[in-house]
Amino acid sequence: MPHARTKPPTQQRSYGVLVGTIRDGREDPAGHTPHYEIWVQADQNYRIAVNVRSVDGSDVVAHYDPNFTKPTKLELAGLAAGAKGFKALQTGPGGAGLDYLRDDLFPITAMAPIPPDGQGVTLSNLLDGQVERAKADHSAVVIAFGEFFKDPGRDQTFGFAPELGVHDIHMMQGNSGSFADDNRINGDGALFIRFAGGETVALFVRFSVQSTTTDDQGNPT
């Protein structure tokens, strides 16, 4: 998608982790934003908006791991077994959030361009398969790190109200220019789906213009 803002730069951010069960999922219709939307049930209904393709010349790269086993600051098994819903997390030095460049979650060089629709395997196709699998597995749990959003109206994709959920499911550091105010460390977005027995699928996304070397404020070095 074009690397465009989804909220005013001065608006207070609320980064954290959403844990729940998957009810449904689908890619946005053609002509709308290029996200894959996931309907999550927890203490209430939520939507996760995941970038899955590039349009208008904006380069999005991703790493998809069908068998993620790396440790995270907040243990995924503990999150999956705990309370369902959204929990805010501290970012910055000493923060509890994810960090693509400091946590050894995956080799940053493994991230590759997301293929457009119709050209081989797409992330939308991969997520379709994992969503259907999660719907059939009553113990499956989705864990999404990202920015919380809330609107009193009806959800634009699934129709529940109020509209709330998590977006910015991508790296949030290494930005320059008008996006520099997004920068931070220990506050990146990512998606995990954990199945019975602990098998975990992981998705990490960033924009190719984001630097992969940053200082302790998340600014490019």
C-alpha atoms as a PDB file:
ATOM      1  CA  MET A   1       0.000   0.000   0.000  1.00  0.00           C
ATOM      2  CA  PRO A   2       1.143   3.586  -0.265  1.00  0.00           C
ATOM      3  CA  HIS A   3       2.996   4.428   2.933  1.00  0.00           C
ATOM      4  CA  ALA A   4       0.278   6.863   3.999  1.00  0.00           C
ATOM      5  CA  ARG A   5      -0.730   7.939   7.467  1.00  0.00           C
ATOM      6  CA  THR A   6      -3.798   6.420   9.063  1.00  0.00           C
ATOM      7  CA  LYS A   7      -4.063   8.990  11.872  1.00  0.00           C
ATOM      8  CA  PRO A   8      -2.848  12.541  12.566  1.00  0.00           C
ATOM      9  CA  PRO A   9       0.856  12.608  13.555  1.00  0.00           C
ATOM     10  CA  THR A  10       0.013  14.327  16.851  1.00  0.00           C
ATOM     11  CA  GLN A  11      -2.563  11.725  17.914  1.00  0.00           C
ATOM     12  CA  GLN A  12      -1.612   9.638  20.946  1.00  0.00           C
ATOM     13  CA  ARG A  13      -0.549   6.139  19.974  1.00  0.00           C
ATOM     14  CA  SER A  14      -1.588   3.037  21.837  1.00  0.00           C
ATOM     15  CA  TYR A  15       0.728   0.150  20.969  1.00  0.00           C
ATOM     16  CA  GLY A  16       0.099  -3.271  22.386  1.00  0.00           C
ATOM     17  CA  VAL A  17      -0.916  -6.866  21.786  1.00  0.00           C
ATOM     18  CA  LEU A  18      -4.319  -8.306  20.884  1.00  0.00           C
ATOM     19  CA  VAL A  19      -5.058 -11.938  21.750  1.00  0.00           C
ATOM     20  CA  GLY A  20      -8.213 -13.753  20.677  1.00  0.00           C
ATOM     21  CA  THR A  21      -9.796 -16.376  18.446  1.00  0.00           C
ATOM     22  CA  ILE A  22     -10.364 -16.010  14.716  1.00  0.00           C
ATOM     23  CA  ARG A  23     -13.933 -15.849  13.488  1.00  0.00           C
ATOM     24  CA  ASP A  24     -13.330 -14.881   9.846  1.00  0.00           C
ATOM     25  CA  GLY A  25     -10.873 -13.277   7.443  1.00  0.00           C
ATOM     26  CA  ARG A  26     -10.768 -11.784   3.947  1.00  0.00           C
ATOM     27  CA  GLU A  27      -8.755  -9.437   1.770  1.00  0.00           C
ATOM     28  CA  ASP A  28     -10.239  -5.986   1.224  1.00  0.00           C
ATOM     29  CA  PRO A  29     -12.177  -5.731  -2.063  1.00  0.00           C
ATOM     30  CA  ALA A  30     -10.342  -4.385  -5.120  1.00  0.00           C
ATOM     31  CA  GLY A  31     -10.086  -0.617  -5.051  1.00  0.00           C
ATOM     32  CA  HIS A  32      -9.987  -0.438  -1.265  1.00  0.00           C
ATOM     33  CA  THR A  33      -6.957  -0.498   1.007  1.00  0.00           C
ATOM     34  CA  PRO A  34      -4.649  -3.482   0.297  1.00  0.00           C
ATOM     35  CA  HIS A  35      -5.057  -5.195   3.656  1.00  0.00           C
ATOM     36  CA  TYR A  36      -6.137  -8.616   4.803  1.00  0.00           C
ATOM     37  CA  GLU A  37      -8.785  -8.175   7.497  1.00  0.00           C
ATOM     38  CA  ILE A  38      -9.206 -10.676  10.354  1.00  0.00           C
ATOM     39  CA  TRP A  39     -12.259 -10.750  12.628  1.00  0.00           C
ATOM     40  CA  VAL A  40     -11.182 -11.635  16.167  1.00  0.00           C
ATOM     41  CA  GLN A  41     -13.355 -12.484  19.156  1.00  0.00           C
ATOM     42  CA  ALA A  42     -11.995 -11.849  22.656  1.00  0.00           C
ATOM     43  CA  ASP A  43     -13.584  -9.802  25.440  1.00  0.00           C
ATOM     44  CA  GLN A  44     -15.363  -8.114  22.500  1.00  0.00           C
ATOM     45  CA  ASN A  45     -15.089  -8.055  18.699  1.00  0.00           C
ATOM     46  CA  TYR A  46     -11.927  -6.719  17.059  1.00  0.00           C
ATOM     47  CA  ARG A  47     -10.484  -6.414  13.551  1.00  0.00           C
ATOM     48  CA  ILE A  48      -6.819  -6.902  12.634  1.00  0.00           C
ATOM     49  CA  ALA A  49      -5.734  -5.053   9.458  1.00  0.00           C
ATOM     50  CA  VAL A  50      -2.625  -6.648   7.893  1.00  0.00           C
ATOM     51  CA  ASN A  51      -0.721  -5.223   4.892  1.00  0.00           C
ATOM     52  CA  VAL A  52      -0.540  -7.987   2.273  1.00  0.00           C
ATOM     53  CA  ARG A  53       0.352  -6.383  -1.062  1.00  0.00           C
ATOM     54  CA  SER A  54       1.860  -3.337  -2.745  1.00  0.00           C
ATOM     55  CA  VAL A  55       0.126  -0.824  -5.000  1.00  0.00           C
ATOM     56  CA  ASP A  56       1.016   2.550  -6.516  1.00  0.00           C
ATOM     57  CA  GLY A  57       4.727   1.732  -6.558  1.00  0.00           C
ATOM     58  CA  SER A  58       5.116   1.429  -2.791  1.00  0.00           C
ATOM     59  CA  ASP A  59       7.394  -1.472  -1.904  1.00  0.00           C
ATOM     60  CA  VAL A  60       6.293  -3.742   0.939  1.00  0.00           C
ATOM     61  CA  VAL A  61       8.505  -6.644   2.006  1.00  0.00           C
ATOM     62  CA  ALA A  62       7.689  -9.482   4.377  1.00  0.00           C
ATOM     63  CA  HIS A  63       8.943 -12.586   6.109  1.00  0.00           C
ATOM     64  CA  TYR A  64       6.428 -15.429   6.506  1.00  0.00           C
ATOM     65  CA  ASP A  65       7.462 -18.237   8.857  1.00  0.00           C
ATOM     66  CA  PRO A  66       5.126 -21.273   8.887  1.00  0.00           C
ATOM     67  CA  ASN A  67       6.902 -22.756  11.930  1.00  0.00           C
ATOM     68  CA  PHE A  68       8.034 -19.904  14.185  1.00  0.00           C
ATOM     69  CA  THR A  69       9.981 -21.111  17.241  1.00  0.00           C
ATOM     70  CA  LYS A  70      12.070 -18.100  18.324  1.00  0.00           C
ATOM     71  CA  PRO A  71      11.589 -16.653  21.833  1.00  0.00           C
ATOM     72  CA  THR A  72       9.850 -13.293  22.223  1.00  0.00           C
ATOM     73  CA  LYS A  73       9.984 -10.855  25.171  1.00  0.00           C
ATOM     74  CA  LEU A  74       6.403 -11.753  26.047  1.00  0.00           C
ATOM     75  CA  GLU A  75       6.208 -15.526  25.666  1.00  0.00           C
ATOM     76  CA  LEU A  76       3.667 -16.454  23.000  1.00  0.00           C
ATOM     77  CA  ALA A  77       2.521 -19.544  24.920  1.00  0.00           C
ATOM     78  CA  GLY A  78       1.781 -17.404  27.960  1.00  0.00           C
ATOM     79  CA  LEU A  79      -0.106 -14.827  25.903  1.00  0.00           C
ATOM     80  CA  ALA A  80      -2.163 -17.564  24.210  1.00  0.00           C
ATOM     81  CA  ALA A  81      -3.102 -19.102  27.552  1.00  0.00           C
ATOM     82  CA  GLY A  82      -3.867 -15.767  29.237  1.00  0.00           C
ATOM     83  CA  ALA A  83      -6.695 -13.256  29.114  1.00  0.00           C
ATOM     84  CA  LYS A  84      -8.147 -12.468  25.692  1.00  0.00           C
ATOM     85  CA  GLY A  85      -8.363  -8.876  24.496  1.00  0.00           C
ATOM     86  CA  PHE A  86      -6.015  -5.926  23.938  1.00  0.00           C
ATOM     87  CA  LYS A  87      -3.208  -5.031  26.327  1.00  0.00           C
ATOM     88  CA  ALA A  88      -1.137  -1.834  25.986  1.00  0.00           C
ATOM     89  CA  LEU A  89       2.646  -2.257  26.068  1.00  0.00           C
ATOM     90  CA  GLN A  90       5.489   0.153  26.737  1.00  0.00           C
ATOM     91  CA  THR A  91       7.788   0.924  23.818  1.00  0.00           C
ATOM     92  CA  GLY A  92      11.240   2.555  23.678  1.00  0.00           C
ATOM     93  CA  PRO A  93      14.363   1.463  25.574  1.00  0.00           C
ATOM     94  CA  GLY A  94      13.355  -1.242  28.037  1.00  0.00           C
ATOM     95  CA  GLY A  95       9.960  -1.637  26.361  1.00  0.00           C
ATOM     96  CA  ALA A  96       8.103  -4.945  26.173  1.00  0.00           C
ATOM     97  CA  GLY A  97       7.144  -4.780  22.498  1.00  0.00           C
ATOM     98  CA  LEU A  98       8.668  -6.563  19.520  1.00  0.00           C
ATOM     99  CA  ASP A  99      11.762  -5.259  17.771  1.00  0.00           C
ATOM    100  CA  TYR A 100      12.684  -6.568  14.307  1.00  0.00           C
ATOM    101  CA  LEU A 101      16.273  -5.344  14.601  1.00  0.00           C
ATOM    102  CA  ARG A 102      17.116  -6.249  18.212  1.00  0.00           C
ATOM    103  CA  ASP A 103      15.133  -9.361  19.168  1.00  0.00           C
ATOM    104  CA  ASP A 104      16.616 -11.982  16.792  1.00  0.00           C
ATOM    105  CA  LEU A 105      13.123 -12.919  15.623  1.00  0.00           C
ATOM    106  CA  PHE A 106      14.297 -13.683  12.068  1.00  0.00           C
ATOM    107  CA  PRO A 107      17.097 -12.601   9.685  1.00  0.00           C
ATOM    108  CA  ILE A 108      16.116  -9.121   8.469  1.00  0.00           C
ATOM    109  CA  THR A 109      17.697 -10.041   5.109  1.00  0.00           C
ATOM    110  CA  ALA A 110      15.068 -12.796   4.738  1.00  0.00           C
ATOM    111  CA  MET A 111      12.354 -10.218   4.066  1.00  0.00           C
ATOM    112  CA  ALA A 112      11.283 -10.252   0.416  1.00  0.00           C
ATOM    113  CA  PRO A 113       8.833  -8.295  -1.785  1.00  0.00           C
ATOM    114  CA  ILE A 114       5.191  -9.310  -1.534  1.00  0.00           C
ATOM    115  CA  PRO A 115       4.021 -10.591  -4.936  1.00  0.00           C
ATOM    116  CA  PRO A 116       1.002  -8.861  -6.491  1.00  0.00           C
ATOM    117  CA  ASP A 117      -2.292 -10.706  -6.747  1.00  0.00           C
ATOM    118  CA  GLY A 118      -2.279 -13.360  -9.447  1.00  0.00           C
ATOM    119  CA  GLN A 119       1.488 -13.927  -9.542  1.00  0.00           C
ATOM    120  CA  GLY A 120       2.218 -17.141  -7.648  1.00  0.00           C
ATOM    121  CA  VAL A 121       1.689 -17.532  -3.918  1.00  0.00           C
ATOM    122  CA  THR A 122       0.449 -14.335  -2.235  1.00  0.00           C
ATOM    123  CA  LEU A 123       0.227 -13.467   1.447  1.00  0.00           C
ATOM    124  CA  SER A 124      -3.529 -13.173   1.047  1.00  0.00           C
ATOM    125  CA  ASN A 125      -3.672 -16.809  -0.124  1.00  0.00           C
ATOM    126  CA  LEU A 126      -1.418 -17.923   2.717  1.00  0.00           C
ATOM    127  CA  LEU A 127      -3.516 -16.094   5.307  1.00  0.00           C
ATOM    128  CA  ASP A 128      -6.734 -17.493   3.818  1.00  0.00           C
ATOM    129  CA  GLY A 129      -5.421 -20.987   4.458  1.00  0.00           C
ATOM    130  CA  GLN A 130      -4.276 -20.248   8.000  1.00  0.00           C
ATOM    131  CA  VAL A 131      -7.539 -18.460   8.881  1.00  0.00           C
ATOM    132  CA  GLU A 132      -9.606 -21.435   7.693  1.00  0.00           C
ATOM    133  CA  ARG A 133      -7.346 -23.751   9.663  1.00  0.00           C
ATOM    134  CA  ALA A 134      -7.724 -21.589  12.793  1.00  0.00           C
ATOM    135  CA  LYS A 135     -11.511 -21.556  12.438  1.00  0.00           C
ATOM    136  CA  ALA A 136     -11.472 -25.371  12.481  1.00  0.00           C
ATOM    137  CA  ASP A 137      -9.049 -25.569  15.434  1.00  0.00           C
ATOM    138  CA  HIS A 138     -10.948 -24.504  18.571  1.00  0.00           C
ATOM    139  CA  SER A 139      -7.697 -24.097  20.509  1.00  0.00           C
ATOM    140  CA  ALA A 140      -6.105 -21.784  17.897  1.00  0.00           C
ATOM    141  CA  VAL A 141      -5.244 -18.267  19.073  1.00  0.00           C
ATOM    142  CA  VAL A 142      -4.221 -15.189  17.098  1.00  0.00           C
ATOM    143  CA  ILE A 143      -1.683 -12.785  18.642  1.00  0.00           C
ATOM    144  CA  ALA A 144      -1.245  -9.409  16.922  1.00  0.00           C
ATOM    145  CA  PHE A 145       1.212  -6.689  17.935  1.00  0.00           C
ATOM    146  CA  GLY A 146       0.328  -3.246  16.592  1.00  0.00           C
ATOM    147  CA  GLU A 147      -1.542   0.040  17.091  1.00  0.00           C
ATOM    148  CA  PHE A 148      -4.983   0.044  18.693  1.00  0.00           C
ATOM    149  CA  PHE A 149      -7.814   1.897  16.929  1.00  0.00           C
ATOM    150  CA  LYS A 150     -11.401   2.593  17.984  1.00  0.00           C
ATOM    151  CA  ASP A 151     -14.398   4.284  16.377  1.00  0.00           C
ATOM    152  CA  PRO A 152     -17.955   4.408  17.740  1.00  0.00           C
ATOM    153  CA  GLY A 153     -19.412   3.468  14.351  1.00  0.00           C
ATOM    154  CA  ARG A 154     -19.924   0.071  12.752  1.00  0.00           C
ATOM    155  CA  ASP A 155     -16.904  -1.890  11.539  1.00  0.00           C
ATOM    156  CA  GLN A 156     -16.324  -1.263   7.827  1.00  0.00           C
ATOM    157  CA  THR A 157     -15.541  -4.909   7.037  1.00  0.00           C
ATOM    158  CA  PHE A 158     -17.436  -7.220   9.387  1.00  0.00           C
ATOM    159  CA  GLY A 159     -20.292  -5.018  10.605  1.00  0.00           C
ATOM    160  CA  PHE A 160     -19.890  -5.301  14.381  1.00  0.00           C
ATOM    161  CA  ALA A 161     -19.970  -2.196  16.582  1.00  0.00           C
ATOM    162  CA  PRO A 162     -18.062  -0.362  17.869  1.00  0.00           C
ATOM    163  CA  GLU A 163     -15.276  -0.541  15.291  1.00  0.00           C
ATOM    164  CA  LEU A 164     -12.056  -1.392  17.077  1.00  0.00           C
ATOM    165  CA  GLY A 165      -8.954  -3.441  16.569  1.00  0.00           C
ATOM    166  CA  VAL A 166      -5.262  -3.320  15.719  1.00  0.00           C
ATOM    167  CA  HIS A 167      -3.453  -2.032  12.621  1.00  0.00           C
ATOM    168  CA  ASP A 168       0.109  -0.959  11.701  1.00  0.00           C
ATOM    169  CA  ILE A 169       1.111  -4.639  11.752  1.00  0.00           C
ATOM    170  CA  HIS A 170       4.591  -3.777  10.480  1.00  0.00           C
ATOM    171  CA  MET A 171       7.984  -2.385  11.518  1.00  0.00           C
ATOM    172  CA  MET A 172       7.728   1.030  13.196  1.00  0.00           C
ATOM    173  CA  GLN A 173      11.327   2.285  13.015  1.00  0.00           C
ATOM    174  CA  GLY A 174      13.867   3.364  10.436  1.00  0.00           C
ATOM    175  CA  ASN A 175      11.562   5.983   8.883  1.00  0.00           C
ATOM    176  CA  SER A 176      12.750   9.284   7.409  1.00  0.00           C
ATOM    177  CA  GLY A 177      11.074  12.549   6.453  1.00  0.00           C
ATOM    178  CA  SER A 178       7.376  12.925   7.283  1.00  0.00           C
ATOM    179  CA  PHE A 179       7.266   9.456   8.837  1.00  0.00           C
ATOM    180  CA  ALA A 180      10.110  10.038  11.302  1.00  0.00           C
ATOM    181  CA  ASP A 181       7.649  10.674  14.146  1.00  0.00           C
ATOM    182  CA  ASP A 182       6.565   7.009  13.846  1.00  0.00           C
ATOM    183  CA  ASN A 183      10.014   5.850  14.942  1.00  0.00           C
ATOM    184  CA  ARG A 184      10.626   3.939  18.160  1.00  0.00           C
ATOM    185  CA  ILE A 185      12.280   0.732  19.269  1.00  0.00           C
ATOM    186  CA  ASN A 186      10.572  -2.210  20.998  1.00  0.00           C
ATOM    187  CA  GLY A 187       7.315  -1.303  19.290  1.00  0.00           C
ATOM    188  CA  ASP A 188       7.092  -3.149  15.962  1.00  0.00           C
ATOM    189  CA  GLY A 189       3.973  -4.878  14.671  1.00  0.00           C
ATOM    190  CA  ALA A 190       3.649  -8.563  13.762  1.00  0.00           C
ATOM    191  CA  LEU A 191       1.068 -11.336  13.451  1.00  0.00           C
ATOM    192  CA  PHE A 192       1.179 -14.814  15.019  1.00  0.00           C
ATOM    193  CA  ILE A 193      -1.363 -17.646  14.808  1.00  0.00           C
ATOM    194  CA  ARG A 194      -0.768 -20.374  17.379  1.00  0.00           C
ATOM    195  CA  PHE A 195      -2.396 -23.783  16.870  1.00  0.00           C
ATOM    196  CA  ALA A 196      -2.987 -26.846  19.040  1.00  0.00           C
ATOM    197  CA  GLY A 197       0.310 -28.274  20.225  1.00  0.00           C
ATOM    198  CA  GLY A 198       2.066 -24.915  20.000  1.00  0.00           C
ATOM    199  CA  GLU A 199       2.710 -24.796  16.235  1.00  0.00           C
ATOM    200  CA  THR A 200       2.961 -21.105  15.350  1.00  0.00           C
ATOM    201  CA  VAL A 201       2.725 -19.212  12.061  1.00  0.00           C
ATOM    202  CA  ALA A 202       4.371 -15.757  12.024  1.00  0.00           C
ATOM    203  CA  LEU A 203       4.237 -12.784   9.659  1.00  0.00           C
ATOM    204  CA  PHE A 204       6.598  -9.776   9.762  1.00  0.00           C
ATOM    205  CA  VAL A 205       6.161  -6.809   7.396  1.00  0.00           C
ATOM    206  CA  ARG A 206       8.052  -3.570   6.650  1.00  0.00           C
ATOM    207  CA  PHE A 207       8.368  -0.925   3.939  1.00  0.00           C
ATOM    208  CA  SER A 208      11.498  -1.231   1.829  1.00  0.00           C
ATOM    209  CA  VAL A 209      12.314   2.473   2.397  1.00  0.00           C
ATOM    210  CA  GLN A 210      12.712   1.861   6.143  1.00  0.00           C
ATOM    211  CA  SER A 211      16.324   1.656   7.303  1.00  0.00           C
ATOM    212  CA  THR A 212      17.395  -1.601   8.963  1.00  0.00           C
ATOM    213  CA  THR A 213      19.986   0.118  11.171  1.00  0.00           C
ATOM    214  CA  THR A 214      18.550   2.423  13.844  1.00  0.00           C
ATOM    215  CA  ASP A 215      19.543   4.190  17.044  1.00  0.00           C
ATOM    216  CA  ASP A 216      17.859   3.814  20.450  1.00  0.00           C
ATOM    217  CA  GLN A 217      15.051   6.130  19.324  1.00  0.00           C
ATOM    218  CA  GLY A 218      14.358   4.070  16.209  1.00  0.00           C
ATOM    219  CA  ASN A 219      15.822   6.713  13.875  1.00  0.00           C
ATOM    220  CA  PRO A 220      17.946   5.660  10.892  1.00  0.00           C
ATOM    221  CA  THR A 221      21.693   5.609  11.415  1.00  0.00           C
END
